[in-house]
Amino acid sequence: MLASAAMTACTVLNTSAGAVADPCPDSEVVFARGTNEPPASGRWDRRSSTR
């Protein structure tokens, strides 16, 4: 009986609490083209990519 009580006490003391983490932050999506700008022509221009 004493051994059973000792094992129960060890189990209770060694039981770790569950991991708790902060909630994930909201993500933000940013588009390269403005809302009121016309769509791109589809051609890639090296000068515009080095700004």
Protein backbone atom coordinates (compact mmCIF):
# COMPACT_ATOMS: atom_id res chain seq x y z
CA MET A 1 0.00 0.00 0.00
CA LEU A 2 2.87 2.37 0.81
CA ALA A 3 4.50 1.56 -2.52
CA SER A 4 1.26 2.33 -4.33
CA ALA A 5 0.98 5.71 -2.60
CA ALA A 6 4.62 6.49 -3.43
CA MET A 7 4.12 5.61 -7.10
CA THR A 8 1.00 7.77 -7.27
CA ALA A 9 2.86 10.70 -5.71
CA CYS A 10 5.74 10.32 -8.18
CA THR A 11 3.36 10.18 -11.09
CA VAL A 12 1.54 13.33 -9.98
CA LEU A 13 4.79 15.21 -9.38
CA ASN A 14 6.39 14.14 -12.67
CA THR A 15 3.37 14.91 -14.84
CA SER A 16 4.20 17.98 -16.87
CA ALA A 17 1.62 20.52 -17.87
CA GLY A 18 0.60 20.65 -21.51
CA ALA A 19 2.44 23.05 -23.77
CA VAL A 20 0.84 26.45 -24.12
CA ALA A 21 1.74 28.75 -27.00
CA ASP A 22 0.64 32.20 -28.08
CA PRO A 23 -1.89 32.21 -30.90
CA CYS A 24 -0.52 32.70 -34.39
CA PRO A 25 -0.65 36.28 -35.66
CA ASP A 26 -2.99 37.17 -38.51
CA SER A 27 -1.34 37.16 -41.90
CA GLU A 28 -1.41 40.08 -44.30
CA VAL A 29 -1.52 39.75 -48.08
CA VAL A 30 -0.03 42.58 -50.14
CA PHE A 31 -0.40 42.73 -53.91
CA ALA A 32 2.18 44.40 -56.14
CA ARG A 33 -0.41 46.18 -58.29
CA GLY A 34 -2.65 48.85 -56.81
CA THR A 35 -6.42 48.47 -56.81
CA ASN A 36 -7.02 51.25 -59.35
CA GLU A 37 -4.05 50.47 -61.63
CA PRO A 38 -4.56 48.71 -64.97
CA PRO A 39 -3.28 45.13 -65.30
CA ALA A 40 0.31 44.65 -66.39
CA SER A 41 1.13 44.08 -70.05
CA GLY A 42 2.70 40.72 -69.27
CA ARG A 43 6.15 41.78 -70.48
CA TRP A 44 9.05 41.78 -68.06
CA ASP A 45 11.19 44.92 -68.06
CA ARG A 46 14.62 44.73 -66.40
CA ARG A 47 14.62 48.45 -65.60
CA SER A 48 11.45 48.18 -63.53
CA SER A 49 12.84 45.32 -61.43
CA THR A 50 15.94 47.24 -60.26
CA ARG A 51 14.16 50.18 -58.61
